[in-house]
N, C-alpha and C. Protein backbone atom coordinates (compact mmCIF):
# COMPACT_ATOMS: atom_id res chain seq x y z
N UNK A 1 7.28 -18.85 -74.70
CA UNK A 1 7.99 -17.75 -74.06
C UNK A 1 8.35 -16.67 -75.06
N UNK A 2 8.35 -16.98 -76.33
CA UNK A 2 8.67 -15.97 -77.32
C UNK A 2 10.15 -15.62 -77.37
N UNK A 3 11.03 -16.54 -77.01
CA UNK A 3 12.47 -16.28 -77.04
C UNK A 3 13.06 -16.85 -78.32
N UNK A 4 14.10 -16.21 -78.81
CA UNK A 4 14.82 -16.73 -79.97
C UNK A 4 15.71 -17.88 -79.54
N UNK A 5 16.17 -18.67 -80.49
CA UNK A 5 17.08 -19.76 -80.15
C UNK A 5 18.38 -19.21 -79.56
N UNK A 6 18.83 -18.08 -80.08
CA UNK A 6 20.03 -17.45 -79.53
C UNK A 6 19.87 -17.05 -78.08
N UNK A 7 18.65 -16.61 -77.72
CA UNK A 7 18.38 -16.24 -76.33
C UNK A 7 18.48 -17.45 -75.41
N UNK A 8 18.04 -18.61 -75.91
CA UNK A 8 18.17 -19.82 -75.10
C UNK A 8 19.64 -20.15 -74.87
N UNK A 9 20.47 -19.95 -75.88
CA UNK A 9 21.90 -20.16 -75.71
C UNK A 9 22.50 -19.19 -74.71
N UNK A 10 22.09 -17.92 -74.78
CA UNK A 10 22.59 -16.92 -73.85
C UNK A 10 22.14 -17.23 -72.43
N UNK A 11 20.89 -17.64 -72.27
CA UNK A 11 20.36 -18.00 -70.96
C UNK A 11 21.14 -19.19 -70.38
N UNK A 12 21.50 -20.12 -71.24
CA UNK A 12 22.29 -21.27 -70.79
C UNK A 12 23.64 -20.80 -70.26
N UNK A 13 24.26 -19.84 -70.95
CA UNK A 13 25.53 -19.30 -70.48
C UNK A 13 25.40 -18.65 -69.12
N UNK A 14 24.31 -17.92 -68.91
CA UNK A 14 24.08 -17.28 -67.61
C UNK A 14 23.90 -18.35 -66.53
N UNK A 15 23.13 -19.39 -66.86
CA UNK A 15 22.93 -20.48 -65.90
C UNK A 15 24.24 -21.18 -65.57
N UNK A 16 25.11 -21.32 -66.57
CA UNK A 16 26.42 -21.94 -66.33
C UNK A 16 27.22 -21.10 -65.32
N UNK A 17 27.20 -19.79 -65.49
CA UNK A 17 27.92 -18.92 -64.57
C UNK A 17 27.37 -19.03 -63.16
N UNK A 18 26.05 -19.03 -63.04
CA UNK A 18 25.42 -19.17 -61.72
C UNK A 18 25.75 -20.52 -61.10
N UNK A 19 25.75 -21.56 -61.92
CA UNK A 19 26.06 -22.90 -61.40
C UNK A 19 27.50 -22.96 -60.89
N UNK A 20 28.42 -22.28 -61.57
CA UNK A 20 29.81 -22.25 -61.10
C UNK A 20 29.89 -21.60 -59.72
N UNK A 21 29.09 -20.56 -59.50
CA UNK A 21 29.11 -19.85 -58.23
C UNK A 21 28.41 -20.63 -57.12
N UNK A 22 27.34 -21.33 -57.47
CA UNK A 22 26.47 -21.92 -56.46
C UNK A 22 26.65 -23.40 -56.21
N UNK A 23 27.01 -24.16 -57.23
CA UNK A 23 26.98 -25.62 -57.08
C UNK A 23 28.03 -26.31 -57.94
N UNK A 24 29.29 -25.95 -57.80
CA UNK A 24 30.42 -26.43 -58.60
C UNK A 24 30.12 -26.77 -60.06
N UNK A 25 29.34 -25.91 -60.74
CA UNK A 25 29.10 -26.09 -62.17
C UNK A 25 28.07 -27.12 -62.54
N UNK A 26 27.40 -27.70 -61.58
CA UNK A 26 26.42 -28.75 -61.89
C UNK A 26 25.14 -28.14 -62.43
N UNK A 27 24.67 -28.70 -63.52
CA UNK A 27 23.42 -28.28 -64.14
C UNK A 27 22.63 -29.51 -64.57
N UNK A 28 21.34 -29.39 -64.57
CA UNK A 28 20.48 -30.44 -65.13
C UNK A 28 19.48 -29.75 -66.03
N UNK A 29 19.27 -30.31 -67.20
CA UNK A 29 18.30 -29.77 -68.16
C UNK A 29 17.26 -30.83 -68.46
N UNK A 30 16.05 -30.39 -68.67
CA UNK A 30 15.00 -31.30 -69.14
C UNK A 30 14.45 -30.74 -70.44
N UNK A 31 13.94 -31.61 -71.24
CA UNK A 31 13.37 -31.19 -72.52
C UNK A 31 11.87 -31.39 -72.49
N UNK A 32 11.16 -30.30 -72.59
CA UNK A 32 9.70 -30.33 -72.64
C UNK A 32 9.31 -30.30 -74.09
N UNK A 33 8.25 -30.98 -74.43
CA UNK A 33 7.79 -31.01 -75.82
C UNK A 33 7.51 -29.62 -76.36
N UNK A 34 7.30 -29.55 -77.62
CA UNK A 34 7.03 -28.26 -78.22
C UNK A 34 6.09 -28.40 -79.39
N UNK A 35 5.45 -27.32 -79.72
CA UNK A 35 4.50 -27.33 -80.82
C UNK A 35 5.17 -27.01 -82.14
N UNK A 36 6.28 -26.33 -82.07
CA UNK A 36 7.02 -25.96 -83.27
C UNK A 36 8.33 -26.73 -83.26
N UNK A 37 8.38 -27.83 -83.98
CA UNK A 37 9.55 -28.71 -83.93
C UNK A 37 10.81 -28.03 -84.44
N UNK A 38 10.69 -27.13 -85.39
CA UNK A 38 11.86 -26.41 -85.89
C UNK A 38 12.42 -25.51 -84.81
N UNK A 39 11.56 -24.75 -84.15
CA UNK A 39 12.01 -23.87 -83.07
C UNK A 39 12.60 -24.69 -81.92
N UNK A 40 11.98 -25.81 -81.61
CA UNK A 40 12.48 -26.66 -80.54
C UNK A 40 13.88 -27.17 -80.87
N UNK A 41 14.07 -27.65 -82.09
CA UNK A 41 15.39 -28.17 -82.46
C UNK A 41 16.45 -27.07 -82.47
N UNK A 42 16.08 -25.87 -82.91
CA UNK A 42 17.04 -24.76 -82.91
C UNK A 42 17.39 -24.35 -81.49
N UNK A 43 16.39 -24.35 -80.60
CA UNK A 43 16.64 -24.00 -79.20
C UNK A 43 17.54 -25.02 -78.53
N UNK A 44 17.29 -26.29 -78.77
CA UNK A 44 18.12 -27.35 -78.20
C UNK A 44 19.55 -27.23 -78.73
N UNK A 45 19.70 -26.97 -80.02
CA UNK A 45 21.03 -26.80 -80.60
C UNK A 45 21.76 -25.63 -79.95
N UNK A 46 21.05 -24.53 -79.70
CA UNK A 46 21.67 -23.36 -79.08
C UNK A 46 22.11 -23.67 -77.65
N UNK A 47 21.30 -24.41 -76.91
CA UNK A 47 21.65 -24.78 -75.54
C UNK A 47 22.88 -25.69 -75.54
N UNK A 48 22.86 -26.71 -76.39
CA UNK A 48 24.00 -27.63 -76.45
C UNK A 48 25.27 -26.92 -76.90
N UNK A 49 25.14 -26.02 -77.87
CA UNK A 49 26.30 -25.26 -78.33
C UNK A 49 26.88 -24.42 -77.19
N UNK A 50 26.00 -23.80 -76.42
CA UNK A 50 26.46 -23.00 -75.29
C UNK A 50 27.16 -23.87 -74.25
N UNK A 51 26.62 -25.05 -74.01
CA UNK A 51 27.25 -25.95 -73.05
C UNK A 51 28.63 -26.40 -73.53
N UNK A 52 28.77 -26.61 -74.81
CA UNK A 52 30.04 -27.06 -75.37
C UNK A 52 31.03 -25.91 -75.47
N UNK A 53 30.57 -24.77 -75.95
CA UNK A 53 31.47 -23.64 -76.25
C UNK A 53 31.60 -22.64 -75.12
N UNK A 54 30.66 -22.58 -74.21
CA UNK A 54 30.71 -21.59 -73.16
C UNK A 54 30.05 -20.30 -73.60
N UNK A 55 29.79 -19.43 -72.66
CA UNK A 55 29.01 -18.22 -72.92
C UNK A 55 29.69 -17.27 -73.89
N UNK A 56 31.01 -17.18 -73.84
CA UNK A 56 31.72 -16.23 -74.70
C UNK A 56 32.04 -16.79 -76.08
N UNK A 57 31.64 -18.04 -76.35
CA UNK A 57 31.85 -18.61 -77.67
C UNK A 57 33.17 -19.34 -77.83
N UNK A 58 34.04 -19.23 -76.83
CA UNK A 58 35.31 -19.96 -76.88
C UNK A 58 35.09 -21.38 -76.37
N UNK A 59 35.85 -22.33 -76.89
CA UNK A 59 35.71 -23.70 -76.41
C UNK A 59 35.93 -23.79 -74.91
N UNK A 60 35.11 -24.53 -74.23
CA UNK A 60 35.25 -24.74 -72.80
C UNK A 60 36.34 -25.78 -72.60
N UNK A 61 37.24 -25.51 -71.68
CA UNK A 61 38.37 -26.41 -71.45
C UNK A 61 37.90 -27.84 -71.25
N UNK A 62 38.49 -28.74 -72.01
CA UNK A 62 38.17 -30.14 -71.88
C UNK A 62 36.94 -30.60 -72.64
N UNK A 63 36.23 -29.71 -73.28
CA UNK A 63 35.01 -30.11 -73.96
C UNK A 63 35.14 -30.13 -75.47
N UNK A 64 36.02 -29.34 -76.03
CA UNK A 64 36.16 -29.30 -77.49
C UNK A 64 37.64 -29.21 -77.84
N UNK A 65 38.27 -30.31 -78.11
CA UNK A 65 39.71 -30.29 -78.34
C UNK A 65 40.14 -29.61 -79.63
N UNK A 66 39.26 -29.35 -80.55
CA UNK A 66 39.64 -28.72 -81.82
C UNK A 66 38.91 -27.39 -81.95
N UNK A 67 39.51 -26.34 -81.43
CA UNK A 67 38.87 -25.03 -81.48
C UNK A 67 38.47 -24.68 -82.90
N UNK A 68 37.28 -24.13 -83.04
CA UNK A 68 36.80 -23.71 -84.34
C UNK A 68 35.93 -24.74 -85.02
N UNK A 69 35.91 -25.97 -84.55
CA UNK A 69 35.04 -26.97 -85.14
C UNK A 69 33.91 -27.30 -84.17
N UNK A 70 32.89 -27.95 -84.69
CA UNK A 70 31.81 -28.35 -83.81
C UNK A 70 32.28 -29.54 -82.98
N UNK A 71 31.58 -29.81 -81.92
CA UNK A 71 31.93 -30.92 -81.04
C UNK A 71 31.95 -32.23 -81.81
N UNK A 72 30.96 -32.46 -82.66
CA UNK A 72 30.91 -33.71 -83.44
C UNK A 72 32.08 -33.79 -84.41
N UNK A 73 32.41 -32.68 -85.07
CA UNK A 73 33.52 -32.66 -86.01
C UNK A 73 34.84 -32.94 -85.30
N UNK A 74 34.93 -32.54 -84.05
CA UNK A 74 36.16 -32.72 -83.29
C UNK A 74 36.29 -34.14 -82.77
N UNK A 75 35.27 -34.96 -83.01
CA UNK A 75 35.31 -36.33 -82.53
C UNK A 75 35.12 -36.44 -81.04
N UNK A 76 34.46 -35.45 -80.43
CA UNK A 76 34.32 -35.40 -78.98
C UNK A 76 33.37 -36.44 -78.41
N UNK A 77 32.44 -36.94 -79.17
CA UNK A 77 31.49 -37.91 -78.64
C UNK A 77 32.10 -39.31 -78.64
N UNK A 78 31.83 -40.03 -77.60
CA UNK A 78 32.29 -41.41 -77.49
C UNK A 78 31.53 -42.27 -78.49
N UNK A 79 32.11 -43.37 -78.97
CA UNK A 79 31.43 -44.25 -79.93
C UNK A 79 30.07 -44.74 -79.42
N UNK A 80 29.99 -45.03 -78.12
CA UNK A 80 28.72 -45.50 -77.56
C UNK A 80 27.66 -44.41 -77.64
N UNK A 81 28.08 -43.17 -77.41
CA UNK A 81 27.16 -42.04 -77.49
C UNK A 81 26.67 -41.86 -78.91
N UNK A 82 27.58 -41.94 -79.86
CA UNK A 82 27.19 -41.82 -81.27
C UNK A 82 26.19 -42.91 -81.65
N UNK A 83 26.40 -44.12 -81.15
CA UNK A 83 25.50 -45.22 -81.46
C UNK A 83 24.11 -44.95 -80.89
N UNK A 84 24.04 -44.49 -79.64
CA UNK A 84 22.75 -44.20 -79.02
C UNK A 84 22.04 -43.07 -79.76
N UNK A 85 22.78 -42.02 -80.09
CA UNK A 85 22.18 -40.89 -80.81
C UNK A 85 21.68 -41.34 -82.18
N UNK A 86 22.45 -42.16 -82.86
CA UNK A 86 22.03 -42.68 -84.16
C UNK A 86 20.74 -43.48 -84.05
N UNK A 87 20.65 -44.31 -83.04
CA UNK A 87 19.44 -45.11 -82.85
C UNK A 87 18.25 -44.22 -82.50
N UNK A 88 18.47 -43.23 -81.66
CA UNK A 88 17.39 -42.29 -81.32
C UNK A 88 16.91 -41.55 -82.56
N UNK A 89 17.83 -41.10 -83.38
CA UNK A 89 17.45 -40.40 -84.61
C UNK A 89 16.63 -41.30 -85.52
N UNK A 90 17.06 -42.56 -85.63
CA UNK A 90 16.34 -43.50 -86.48
C UNK A 90 14.90 -43.69 -85.99
N UNK A 91 14.74 -43.90 -84.68
CA UNK A 91 13.42 -44.14 -84.12
C UNK A 91 12.56 -42.87 -84.18
N UNK A 92 13.12 -41.75 -83.80
CA UNK A 92 12.35 -40.51 -83.72
C UNK A 92 12.08 -39.88 -85.06
N UNK A 93 12.83 -40.25 -86.09
CA UNK A 93 12.62 -39.64 -87.41
C UNK A 93 11.22 -39.92 -87.97
N UNK A 94 10.60 -40.97 -87.50
CA UNK A 94 9.22 -41.26 -87.92
C UNK A 94 8.25 -40.19 -87.41
N UNK A 95 8.62 -39.52 -86.32
CA UNK A 95 7.75 -38.53 -85.69
C UNK A 95 8.22 -37.09 -85.94
N UNK A 96 9.53 -36.91 -86.09
CA UNK A 96 10.12 -35.58 -86.30
C UNK A 96 10.87 -35.60 -87.61
N UNK A 97 10.31 -34.94 -88.60
CA UNK A 97 10.92 -34.95 -89.92
C UNK A 97 12.29 -34.28 -89.96
N UNK A 98 12.52 -33.32 -89.10
CA UNK A 98 13.78 -32.57 -89.12
C UNK A 98 14.92 -33.21 -88.37
N UNK A 99 14.70 -34.36 -87.80
CA UNK A 99 15.74 -34.93 -86.92
C UNK A 99 16.80 -35.64 -87.69
């Protein structure tokens, strides 16, 4: 599509606003593979950041209890989630060097 990672974050914010209007904020995202793993990881990070912080960059109520820090730094992830993510990183690191 030729979009920057920031554009993916902005698009996510727009989708969040539309979801609030149309379907009580419900969104579903899927991840399609990519040829440029660096661009893919940056785009995913921008989308997740937008979901956590909201379109205007301020923490979304209930999602980031420590304004100014990242979600992970704020301890927002449950221990089970951290364990799953750690295992995924371990397994996928054989295929994605940047993970």
